[in-house]
Amino acid sequence: MSAPETQEVRAAAKWVRITPRKARLVVEHIRGRTVPEARTVLAFTERAAAREIEKLLKSAVANAEANHNLIGDDLVVKAAYVDEGPMLKRWRARARGRAARIRKRTCHITLTLVPSATATVTRAPEETPAAEKPKRAPRKKAAPKAKPAAETKAEEKPKAEAKPKAKPKTARKKKTDTEAETEEGDS
């Protein structure tokens, strides 16, 4: 008898605008780990390549669940490697009429997932029910928010007890010539 074949799930991201050398540093951290561990490692890795590899890991898990009926959390990263992609060549002006080549590198990232030895290999195929069930319960209306104590005390006071507002200051009246003469004459 031949050995039972293990299902392998692959996902590849091509022409990713990150240098292969930088992407390989991140890929080394997740090789051989389970999917939940790999997600945690990628979430806390600060390198830009970690975001691209995290997207690729999500894609590989989705492929496993949709196409092979595997459970995503029971998978292990069997292989993870980064190949060089095509290089975009640009030019930059330098002194004395010369030019320097700028190489914008790209890479192809590939992940291979397999079910772990201790994990449940597959899940039962989902049965389609005859009657459609609602996907979720309808949302309930939110209860009115409680008002802070300061606002409720202010509202409890009747308006009659409220302090009267101060009179606004009026503009100063200009003295007329006759009033100014009478003040001068008094002194």
N, C-alpha and C. Protein backbone atom coordinates (compact mmCIF):
# COMPACT_ATOMS: atom_id res chain seq x y z
N MET A 1 0.83 -1.18 0.00
CA MET A 1 0.00 0.00 0.00
C MET A 1 0.87 1.24 0.00
N SER A 2 0.39 2.26 -0.67
CA SER A 2 1.14 3.52 -0.71
C SER A 2 0.78 4.36 0.51
N ALA A 3 1.66 5.23 0.84
CA ALA A 3 1.42 6.11 1.99
C ALA A 3 0.29 7.08 1.66
N PRO A 4 -0.54 7.39 2.66
CA PRO A 4 -1.64 8.32 2.38
C PRO A 4 -1.07 9.71 2.02
N GLU A 5 -1.67 10.31 1.00
CA GLU A 5 -1.21 11.63 0.57
C GLU A 5 -1.76 12.70 1.50
N THR A 6 -0.90 13.59 1.88
CA THR A 6 -1.35 14.72 2.69
C THR A 6 -1.74 15.85 1.75
N GLN A 7 -2.79 16.51 2.10
CA GLN A 7 -3.23 17.62 1.28
C GLN A 7 -2.35 18.83 1.54
N GLU A 8 -1.84 19.40 0.47
CA GLU A 8 -1.04 20.61 0.58
C GLU A 8 -1.83 21.75 -0.04
N VAL A 9 -1.78 22.87 0.61
CA VAL A 9 -2.46 24.06 0.12
C VAL A 9 -1.40 25.12 -0.13
N ARG A 10 -1.42 25.67 -1.34
CA ARG A 10 -0.43 26.67 -1.70
C ARG A 10 -1.10 28.00 -1.98
N ALA A 11 -0.36 29.06 -1.70
CA ALA A 11 -0.78 30.40 -2.10
C ALA A 11 0.49 31.15 -2.45
N ALA A 12 0.40 31.94 -3.50
CA ALA A 12 1.58 32.69 -3.95
C ALA A 12 1.19 34.13 -4.22
N ALA A 13 2.08 35.02 -3.85
CA ALA A 13 1.93 36.44 -4.17
C ALA A 13 3.07 36.80 -5.09
N LYS A 14 2.74 37.28 -6.27
CA LYS A 14 3.79 37.57 -7.25
C LYS A 14 3.93 39.07 -7.44
N TRP A 15 5.12 39.45 -7.83
CA TRP A 15 5.48 40.84 -8.11
C TRP A 15 5.22 41.76 -6.93
N VAL A 16 5.58 41.29 -5.76
CA VAL A 16 5.43 42.11 -4.55
C VAL A 16 6.59 43.10 -4.53
N ARG A 17 6.30 44.38 -4.29
CA ARG A 17 7.34 45.41 -4.37
C ARG A 17 8.14 45.53 -3.07
N ILE A 18 8.77 44.43 -2.70
CA ILE A 18 9.67 44.39 -1.55
C ILE A 18 10.89 43.62 -2.01
N THR A 19 12.05 43.98 -1.53
CA THR A 19 13.23 43.23 -1.95
C THR A 19 13.18 41.82 -1.37
N PRO A 20 13.64 40.83 -2.11
CA PRO A 20 13.57 39.45 -1.62
C PRO A 20 14.35 39.25 -0.32
N ARG A 21 15.45 39.95 -0.20
CA ARG A 21 16.29 39.80 1.00
C ARG A 21 15.52 40.21 2.26
N LYS A 22 14.77 41.30 2.17
CA LYS A 22 14.00 41.77 3.33
C LYS A 22 12.82 40.85 3.61
N ALA A 23 12.19 40.32 2.57
CA ALA A 23 11.05 39.42 2.75
C ALA A 23 11.51 38.09 3.36
N ARG A 24 12.69 37.62 2.99
CA ARG A 24 13.19 36.33 3.53
C ARG A 24 13.40 36.41 5.04
N LEU A 25 13.78 37.58 5.53
CA LEU A 25 13.98 37.72 6.98
C LEU A 25 12.67 37.47 7.74
N VAL A 26 11.55 37.88 7.18
CA VAL A 26 10.26 37.69 7.84
C VAL A 26 9.76 36.26 7.67
N VAL A 27 9.96 35.70 6.46
CA VAL A 27 9.47 34.35 6.16
C VAL A 27 10.14 33.31 7.06
N GLU A 28 11.38 33.54 7.42
CA GLU A 28 12.09 32.59 8.29
C GLU A 28 11.42 32.43 9.64
N HIS A 29 10.74 33.48 10.10
CA HIS A 29 10.10 33.43 11.42
C HIS A 29 8.87 32.54 11.46
N ILE A 30 8.20 32.35 10.32
CA ILE A 30 6.94 31.59 10.35
C ILE A 30 7.07 30.18 9.82
N ARG A 31 8.19 29.83 9.21
CA ARG A 31 8.35 28.49 8.64
C ARG A 31 8.29 27.45 9.75
N GLY A 32 7.41 26.44 9.60
CA GLY A 32 7.29 25.36 10.57
C GLY A 32 6.33 25.65 11.71
N ARG A 33 5.73 26.81 11.75
CA ARG A 33 4.81 27.15 12.83
C ARG A 33 3.36 26.86 12.43
N THR A 34 2.50 26.76 13.44
CA THR A 34 1.08 26.61 13.15
C THR A 34 0.53 27.95 12.69
N VAL A 35 -0.63 27.92 12.09
CA VAL A 35 -1.21 29.15 11.55
C VAL A 35 -1.48 30.19 12.65
N PRO A 36 -2.06 29.82 13.80
CA PRO A 36 -2.27 30.85 14.84
C PRO A 36 -0.94 31.45 15.33
N GLU A 37 0.09 30.63 15.48
CA GLU A 37 1.39 31.15 15.89
C GLU A 37 1.96 32.09 14.84
N ALA A 38 1.84 31.69 13.57
CA ALA A 38 2.37 32.51 12.48
C ALA A 38 1.65 33.85 12.42
N ARG A 39 0.34 33.84 12.62
CA ARG A 39 -0.41 35.10 12.62
C ARG A 39 0.06 36.02 13.74
N THR A 40 0.30 35.45 14.90
CA THR A 40 0.76 36.25 16.03
C THR A 40 2.13 36.84 15.76
N VAL A 41 3.03 36.02 15.22
CA VAL A 41 4.38 36.50 14.92
C VAL A 41 4.31 37.64 13.89
N LEU A 42 3.51 37.48 12.87
CA LEU A 42 3.42 38.51 11.83
C LEU A 42 2.77 39.78 12.35
N ALA A 43 1.81 39.63 13.26
CA ALA A 43 1.13 40.81 13.80
C ALA A 43 2.09 41.69 14.59
N PHE A 44 3.09 41.07 15.23
CA PHE A 44 4.00 41.84 16.06
C PHE A 44 5.34 42.10 15.38
N THR A 45 5.47 41.74 14.12
CA THR A 45 6.68 42.04 13.37
C THR A 45 6.51 43.41 12.74
N GLU A 46 7.50 44.28 12.92
CA GLU A 46 7.35 45.66 12.46
C GLU A 46 7.77 45.86 11.01
N ARG A 47 8.35 44.89 10.38
CA ARG A 47 8.81 45.06 9.00
C ARG A 47 7.64 45.15 8.03
N ALA A 48 7.85 45.90 6.96
CA ALA A 48 6.78 46.10 5.98
C ALA A 48 6.41 44.79 5.28
N ALA A 49 7.38 43.90 5.12
CA ALA A 49 7.12 42.62 4.45
C ALA A 49 6.13 41.78 5.25
N ALA A 50 6.04 41.99 6.55
CA ALA A 50 5.14 41.20 7.39
C ALA A 50 3.68 41.43 6.99
N ARG A 51 3.32 42.65 6.57
CA ARG A 51 1.94 42.92 6.16
C ARG A 51 1.59 42.13 4.90
N GLU A 52 2.51 42.08 3.94
CA GLU A 52 2.26 41.34 2.70
C GLU A 52 2.19 39.83 2.96
N ILE A 53 3.05 39.33 3.83
CA ILE A 53 3.07 37.89 4.13
C ILE A 53 1.83 37.52 4.94
N GLU A 54 1.36 38.43 5.77
CA GLU A 54 0.14 38.18 6.54
C GLU A 54 -1.07 38.05 5.61
N LYS A 55 -1.14 38.91 4.59
CA LYS A 55 -2.22 38.81 3.60
C LYS A 55 -2.16 37.47 2.87
N LEU A 56 -0.94 37.05 2.53
CA LEU A 56 -0.76 35.80 1.82
C LEU A 56 -1.16 34.61 2.70
N LEU A 57 -0.84 34.67 3.98
CA LEU A 57 -1.22 33.60 4.91
C LEU A 57 -2.74 33.50 5.02
N LYS A 58 -3.42 34.64 5.09
CA LYS A 58 -4.88 34.64 5.14
C LYS A 58 -5.46 34.01 3.87
N SER A 59 -4.83 34.32 2.73
CA SER A 59 -5.29 33.76 1.46
C SER A 59 -5.11 32.25 1.43
N ALA A 60 -3.96 31.76 1.92
CA ALA A 60 -3.70 30.32 1.93
C ALA A 60 -4.69 29.60 2.84
N VAL A 61 -5.01 30.19 3.98
CA VAL A 61 -5.97 29.58 4.91
C VAL A 61 -7.37 29.56 4.28
N ALA A 62 -7.72 30.64 3.60
CA ALA A 62 -9.02 30.68 2.93
C ALA A 62 -9.09 29.63 1.83
N ASN A 63 -7.99 29.43 1.09
CA ASN A 63 -7.95 28.37 0.07
C ASN A 63 -8.17 27.00 0.70
N ALA A 64 -7.52 26.76 1.85
CA ALA A 64 -7.64 25.47 2.52
C ALA A 64 -9.06 25.21 2.98
N GLU A 65 -9.70 26.24 3.54
CA GLU A 65 -11.04 26.07 4.07
C GLU A 65 -12.08 25.93 2.95
N ALA A 66 -11.93 26.70 1.90
CA ALA A 66 -12.93 26.70 0.83
C ALA A 66 -12.76 25.53 -0.13
N ASN A 67 -11.54 25.21 -0.50
CA ASN A 67 -11.30 24.22 -1.55
C ASN A 67 -11.04 22.81 -1.03
N HIS A 68 -10.50 22.68 0.18
CA HIS A 68 -10.09 21.37 0.68
C HIS A 68 -10.81 20.95 1.95
N ASN A 69 -11.75 21.74 2.45
CA ASN A 69 -12.50 21.45 3.68
C ASN A 69 -11.60 21.19 4.87
N LEU A 70 -10.54 21.95 4.99
CA LEU A 70 -9.64 21.84 6.14
C LEU A 70 -9.97 22.93 7.15
N ILE A 71 -9.58 22.71 8.38
CA ILE A 71 -9.79 23.71 9.43
C ILE A 71 -8.54 24.59 9.48
N GLY A 72 -8.73 25.88 9.37
CA GLY A 72 -7.62 26.82 9.25
C GLY A 72 -6.65 26.81 10.41
N ASP A 73 -7.16 26.69 11.63
CA ASP A 73 -6.28 26.74 12.80
C ASP A 73 -5.50 25.45 13.01
N ASP A 74 -5.84 24.39 12.28
CA ASP A 74 -5.13 23.12 12.42
C ASP A 74 -4.02 22.95 11.38
N LEU A 75 -3.71 24.00 10.66
CA LEU A 75 -2.70 23.90 9.60
C LEU A 75 -1.33 24.37 10.10
N VAL A 76 -0.30 23.86 9.42
CA VAL A 76 1.09 24.21 9.74
C VAL A 76 1.74 24.75 8.47
N VAL A 77 2.61 25.75 8.63
CA VAL A 77 3.33 26.29 7.48
C VAL A 77 4.47 25.32 7.17
N LYS A 78 4.28 24.52 6.12
CA LYS A 78 5.28 23.51 5.76
C LYS A 78 6.47 24.17 5.05
N ALA A 79 6.17 24.99 4.07
CA ALA A 79 7.24 25.65 3.32
C ALA A 79 6.86 27.11 3.11
N ALA A 80 7.85 27.96 3.21
CA ALA A 80 7.67 29.37 2.94
C ALA A 80 8.96 29.86 2.32
N TYR A 81 8.88 30.34 1.10
CA TYR A 81 10.11 30.80 0.46
C TYR A 81 9.83 32.01 -0.41
N VAL A 82 10.90 32.75 -0.69
CA VAL A 82 10.82 33.98 -1.46
C VAL A 82 11.77 33.88 -2.63
N ASP A 83 11.25 34.07 -3.83
CA ASP A 83 12.07 34.07 -5.04
C ASP A 83 12.17 35.50 -5.57
N GLU A 84 13.22 35.75 -6.35
CA GLU A 84 13.37 37.07 -6.96
C GLU A 84 12.39 37.22 -8.10
N GLY A 85 11.85 38.41 -8.22
CA GLY A 85 10.98 38.73 -9.34
C GLY A 85 11.73 39.64 -10.30
N PRO A 86 11.06 40.15 -11.29
CA PRO A 86 11.72 41.06 -12.22
C PRO A 86 12.12 42.36 -11.53
N MET A 87 13.15 42.97 -12.03
CA MET A 87 13.68 44.18 -11.43
C MET A 87 13.31 45.38 -12.30
N LEU A 88 12.74 46.39 -11.70
CA LEU A 88 12.45 47.62 -12.43
C LEU A 88 13.72 48.47 -12.42
N LYS A 89 14.14 48.92 -13.58
CA LYS A 89 15.38 49.69 -13.67
C LYS A 89 15.05 51.14 -13.95
N ARG A 90 15.56 52.00 -13.10
CA ARG A 90 15.35 53.43 -13.23
C ARG A 90 16.71 54.11 -13.21
N TRP A 91 16.76 55.37 -13.62
CA TRP A 91 18.02 56.09 -13.69
C TRP A 91 17.92 57.37 -12.88
N ARG A 92 19.06 57.74 -12.30
CA ARG A 92 19.13 58.94 -11.49
C ARG A 92 20.31 59.76 -11.95
N ALA A 93 20.11 61.03 -12.10
CA ALA A 93 21.20 61.91 -12.55
C ALA A 93 22.25 62.04 -11.46
N ARG A 94 23.51 62.01 -11.89
CA ARG A 94 24.63 62.18 -10.97
C ARG A 94 25.50 63.33 -11.48
N ALA A 95 26.57 63.59 -10.77
CA ALA A 95 27.44 64.71 -11.11
C ALA A 95 28.14 64.47 -12.45
N ARG A 96 28.52 65.54 -13.09
CA ARG A 96 29.31 65.56 -14.32
C ARG A 96 28.64 64.81 -15.47
N GLY A 97 27.31 64.90 -15.53
CA GLY A 97 26.59 64.32 -16.65
C GLY A 97 26.46 62.81 -16.63
N ARG A 98 26.76 62.20 -15.53
CA ARG A 98 26.66 60.75 -15.44
C ARG A 98 25.28 60.35 -14.93
N ALA A 99 25.02 59.05 -14.95
CA ALA A 99 23.75 58.52 -14.45
C ALA A 99 24.02 57.29 -13.61
N ALA A 100 23.20 57.10 -12.58
CA ALA A 100 23.32 55.93 -11.72
C ALA A 100 22.05 55.10 -11.86
N ARG A 101 22.22 53.80 -11.91
CA ARG A 101 21.08 52.90 -12.05
C ARG A 101 20.43 52.69 -10.68
N ILE A 102 19.11 52.75 -10.64
CA ILE A 102 18.34 52.42 -9.44
C ILE A 102 17.61 51.13 -9.76
N ARG A 103 17.79 50.12 -8.93
CA ARG A 103 17.13 48.83 -9.14
C ARG A 103 16.01 48.69 -8.13
N LYS A 104 14.79 48.68 -8.61
CA LYS A 104 13.63 48.49 -7.75
C LYS A 104 13.26 47.02 -7.82
N ARG A 105 13.58 46.30 -6.77
CA ARG A 105 13.45 44.84 -6.79
C ARG A 105 12.04 44.40 -6.43
N THR A 106 11.63 43.29 -6.98
CA THR A 106 10.35 42.66 -6.65
C THR A 106 10.61 41.22 -6.25
N CYS A 107 9.60 40.57 -5.69
CA CYS A 107 9.77 39.19 -5.27
C CYS A 107 8.47 38.42 -5.42
N HIS A 108 8.59 37.11 -5.46
CA HIS A 108 7.45 36.19 -5.47
C HIS A 108 7.50 35.41 -4.16
N ILE A 109 6.45 35.49 -3.37
CA ILE A 109 6.40 34.81 -2.07
C ILE A 109 5.44 33.63 -2.20
N THR A 110 5.86 32.46 -1.71
CA THR A 110 5.03 31.26 -1.78
C THR A 110 4.93 30.64 -0.40
N LEU A 111 3.72 30.27 -0.01
CA LEU A 111 3.47 29.58 1.26
C LEU A 111 2.78 28.25 0.96
N THR A 112 3.20 27.20 1.67
CA THR A 112 2.57 25.89 1.56
C THR A 112 2.10 25.48 2.95
N LEU A 113 0.82 25.16 3.08
CA LEU A 113 0.25 24.73 4.36
C LEU A 113 -0.16 23.27 4.28
N VAL A 114 0.04 22.55 5.37
CA VAL A 114 -0.40 21.16 5.47
C VAL A 114 -1.11 20.97 6.81
N PRO A 115 -2.00 20.00 6.91
CA PRO A 115 -2.62 19.73 8.21
C PRO A 115 -1.58 19.19 9.19
N SER A 116 -1.68 19.59 10.44
CA SER A 116 -0.73 19.08 11.43
C SER A 116 -1.06 17.63 11.75
N ALA A 117 -0.07 16.88 12.26
CA ALA A 117 -0.25 15.44 12.52
C ALA A 117 -1.29 15.21 13.61
N THR A 118 -1.36 16.08 14.61
CA THR A 118 -2.28 15.87 15.73
C THR A 118 -3.65 16.49 15.49
N ALA A 119 -3.79 17.24 14.41
CA ALA A 119 -5.04 17.96 14.18
C ALA A 119 -6.07 17.10 13.48
N THR A 120 -7.30 17.55 13.54
CA THR A 120 -8.37 16.93 12.78
C THR A 120 -8.13 17.24 11.31
N VAL A 121 -8.13 16.22 10.50
CA VAL A 121 -7.73 16.41 9.10
C VAL A 121 -8.76 17.19 8.31
N THR A 122 -9.99 16.79 8.36
CA THR A 122 -11.01 17.49 7.58
C THR A 122 -12.23 17.74 8.44
N ARG A 123 -13.07 18.58 7.95
CA ARG A 123 -14.34 18.78 8.64
C ARG A 123 -15.44 18.23 7.75
N ALA A 124 -16.55 17.92 8.34
CA ALA A 124 -17.66 17.35 7.59
C ALA A 124 -18.18 18.37 6.60
N PRO A 125 -18.55 17.90 5.42
CA PRO A 125 -19.12 18.86 4.45
C PRO A 125 -20.40 19.46 5.00
N GLU A 126 -20.56 20.74 4.75
CA GLU A 126 -21.72 21.44 5.29
C GLU A 126 -22.97 21.03 4.52
N GLU A 127 -24.03 20.78 5.27
CA GLU A 127 -25.29 20.43 4.65
C GLU A 127 -26.07 21.71 4.37
N THR A 128 -26.70 21.75 3.22
CA THR A 128 -27.50 22.92 2.90
C THR A 128 -28.91 22.69 3.42
N PRO A 129 -29.39 23.50 4.32
CA PRO A 129 -30.73 23.31 4.86
C PRO A 129 -31.78 23.66 3.81
N ALA A 130 -32.92 23.00 3.92
CA ALA A 130 -34.00 23.24 2.96
C ALA A 130 -34.57 24.63 3.15
N ALA A 131 -34.80 25.01 4.39
CA ALA A 131 -35.35 26.34 4.68
C ALA A 131 -34.20 27.26 5.05
N GLU A 132 -34.19 28.42 4.47
CA GLU A 132 -33.15 29.39 4.76
C GLU A 132 -33.36 29.95 6.17
N LYS A 133 -32.32 29.90 6.95
CA LYS A 133 -32.37 30.49 8.28
C LYS A 133 -31.77 31.89 8.19
N PRO A 134 -32.23 32.80 9.03
CA PRO A 134 -31.60 34.13 9.01
C PRO A 134 -30.16 34.00 9.51
N LYS A 135 -29.28 34.78 8.92
CA LYS A 135 -27.86 34.68 9.26
C LYS A 135 -27.59 35.13 10.68
N ARG A 136 -28.30 36.14 11.13
CA ARG A 136 -28.13 36.60 12.50
C ARG A 136 -29.43 37.21 12.97
N ALA A 137 -29.54 37.38 14.26
CA ALA A 137 -30.73 37.99 14.82
C ALA A 137 -30.75 39.47 14.45
N PRO A 138 -31.93 40.03 14.26
CA PRO A 138 -31.99 41.46 13.95
C PRO A 138 -31.46 42.28 15.12
N ARG A 139 -30.90 43.40 14.78
CA ARG A 139 -30.32 44.25 15.82
C ARG A 139 -31.42 44.87 16.69
N LYS A 140 -31.09 44.98 17.97
CA LYS A 140 -32.01 45.62 18.90
C LYS A 140 -31.67 47.09 18.97
N LYS A 141 -32.69 47.89 19.26
CA LYS A 141 -32.43 49.32 19.40
C LYS A 141 -31.67 49.56 20.69
N ALA A 142 -30.73 50.48 20.61
CA ALA A 142 -29.91 50.79 21.78
C ALA A 142 -30.74 51.52 22.83
N ALA A 143 -30.47 51.22 24.08
CA ALA A 143 -31.16 51.89 25.18
C ALA A 143 -30.68 53.33 25.24
N PRO A 144 -31.53 54.26 25.66
CA PRO A 144 -31.08 55.65 25.75
C PRO A 144 -29.94 55.76 26.75
N LYS A 145 -29.01 56.62 26.41
CA LYS A 145 -27.84 56.78 27.28
C LYS A 145 -28.24 57.50 28.56
N ALA A 146 -27.62 57.10 29.66
CA ALA A 146 -27.86 57.75 30.94
C ALA A 146 -27.15 59.09 30.94
N LYS A 147 -27.82 60.11 31.47
CA LYS A 147 -27.22 61.44 31.49
C LYS A 147 -26.34 61.56 32.72
N PRO A 148 -25.25 62.31 32.63
CA PRO A 148 -24.40 62.52 33.79
C PRO A 148 -25.16 63.24 34.90
N ALA A 149 -24.70 63.09 36.13
CA ALA A 149 -25.38 63.65 37.29
C ALA A 149 -25.47 65.16 37.23
N ALA A 150 -24.47 65.84 36.72
CA ALA A 150 -24.47 67.30 36.66
C ALA A 150 -25.59 67.81 35.76
N GLU A 151 -25.85 67.13 34.65
CA GLU A 151 -26.90 67.57 33.73
C GLU A 151 -28.28 67.33 34.35
N THR A 152 -28.47 66.22 35.04
CA THR A 152 -29.78 65.93 35.60
C THR A 152 -30.13 66.92 36.70
N LYS A 153 -29.16 67.35 37.51
CA LYS A 153 -29.43 68.33 38.57
C LYS A 153 -29.82 69.67 37.97
N ALA A 154 -29.15 70.03 36.89
CA ALA A 154 -29.45 71.31 36.25
C ALA A 154 -30.85 71.29 35.66
N GLU A 155 -31.27 70.16 35.13
CA GLU A 155 -32.59 70.06 34.54
C GLU A 155 -33.70 70.06 35.58
N GLU A 156 -33.42 69.57 36.80
CA GLU A 156 -34.42 69.49 37.85
C GLU A 156 -34.82 70.86 38.39
N LYS A 157 -33.92 71.86 38.34
CA LYS A 157 -34.24 73.18 38.86
C LYS A 157 -35.27 73.84 37.96
N PRO A 158 -36.31 74.41 38.57
CA PRO A 158 -37.26 75.14 37.75
C PRO A 158 -36.61 76.43 37.25
N LYS A 159 -37.14 76.96 36.19
CA LYS A 159 -36.55 78.14 35.58
C LYS A 159 -36.76 79.38 36.44
N ALA A 160 -37.79 79.41 37.28
CA ALA A 160 -38.06 80.59 38.12
C ALA A 160 -36.94 80.79 39.12
N GLU A 161 -36.34 79.71 39.59
CA GLU A 161 -35.29 79.83 40.59
C GLU A 161 -33.94 80.19 39.98
N ALA A 162 -33.85 80.13 38.70
CA ALA A 162 -32.58 80.44 38.05
C ALA A 162 -32.21 81.89 38.31
N LYS A 163 -30.94 82.16 38.42
CA LYS A 163 -30.45 83.51 38.70
C LYS A 163 -30.71 84.40 37.50
N PRO A 164 -31.12 85.62 37.78
CA PRO A 164 -31.33 86.54 36.65
C PRO A 164 -29.98 86.92 36.06
N LYS A 165 -29.97 87.12 34.77
CA LYS A 165 -28.72 87.47 34.11
C LYS A 165 -28.40 88.93 34.40
N ALA A 166 -27.12 89.24 34.46
CA ALA A 166 -26.69 90.61 34.69
C ALA A 166 -27.01 91.43 33.45
N LYS A 167 -27.29 92.73 33.71
CA LYS A 167 -27.60 93.60 32.59
C LYS A 167 -26.35 93.80 31.76
N PRO A 168 -26.52 93.81 30.47
CA PRO A 168 -25.35 94.07 29.65
C PRO A 168 -24.92 95.53 29.80
N LYS A 169 -23.63 95.73 29.75
CA LYS A 169 -23.12 97.09 29.89
C LYS A 169 -23.50 97.88 28.66
N THR A 170 -23.96 99.11 28.93
CA THR A 170 -24.34 99.97 27.82
C THR A 170 -23.15 100.83 27.43
N ALA A 171 -23.17 101.30 26.24
CA ALA A 171 -22.09 102.16 25.76
C ALA A 171 -22.15 103.48 26.51
N ARG A 172 -21.00 104.05 26.76
CA ARG A 172 -20.93 105.31 27.48
C ARG A 172 -21.51 106.43 26.63
N LYS A 173 -22.22 107.26 27.29
CA LYS A 173 -22.85 108.37 26.61
C LYS A 173 -21.83 109.48 26.41
N LYS A 174 -21.79 110.00 25.23
CA LYS A 174 -20.87 111.11 24.98
C LYS A 174 -21.45 112.39 25.59
N LYS A 175 -20.56 113.14 26.16
CA LYS A 175 -21.00 114.41 26.75
C LYS A 175 -21.14 115.44 25.66
N THR A 176 -22.18 116.20 25.80
CA THR A 176 -22.37 117.29 24.85
C THR A 176 -21.57 118.49 25.30
N ASP A 177 -21.44 119.45 24.47
CA ASP A 177 -20.64 120.64 24.78
C ASP A 177 -21.20 121.39 25.99
N THR A 178 -22.50 121.46 26.11
CA THR A 178 -23.10 122.20 27.22
C THR A 178 -22.86 121.49 28.53
N GLU A 179 -22.89 120.12 28.55
CA GLU A 179 -22.64 119.38 29.77
C GLU A 179 -21.19 119.52 30.20
N ALA A 180 -20.29 119.52 29.24
CA ALA A 180 -18.88 119.65 29.55
C ALA A 180 -18.59 121.03 30.13
N GLU A 181 -19.24 122.10 29.64
CA GLU A 181 -19.03 123.45 30.15
C GLU A 181 -19.56 123.57 31.56
N THR A 182 -20.70 122.92 31.85
CA THR A 182 -21.27 123.03 33.19
C THR A 182 -20.41 122.31 34.21
N GLU A 183 -19.78 121.21 33.82
CA GLU A 183 -18.87 120.50 34.76
C GLU A 183 -17.63 121.33 35.03
N GLU A 184 -17.13 121.97 33.99
CA GLU A 184 -15.93 122.82 34.17
C GLU A 184 -16.27 124.02 35.05
N GLY A 185 -17.44 124.52 34.87
CA GLY A 185 -17.85 125.71 35.65
C GLY A 185 -18.06 125.35 37.09
N ASP A 186 -18.47 124.11 37.40
CA ASP A 186 -18.72 123.68 38.78
C ASP A 186 -17.42 123.54 39.54
N SER A 187 -16.39 123.17 38.88
CA SER A 187 -15.17 122.97 39.62
C SER A 187 -14.35 124.19 39.81
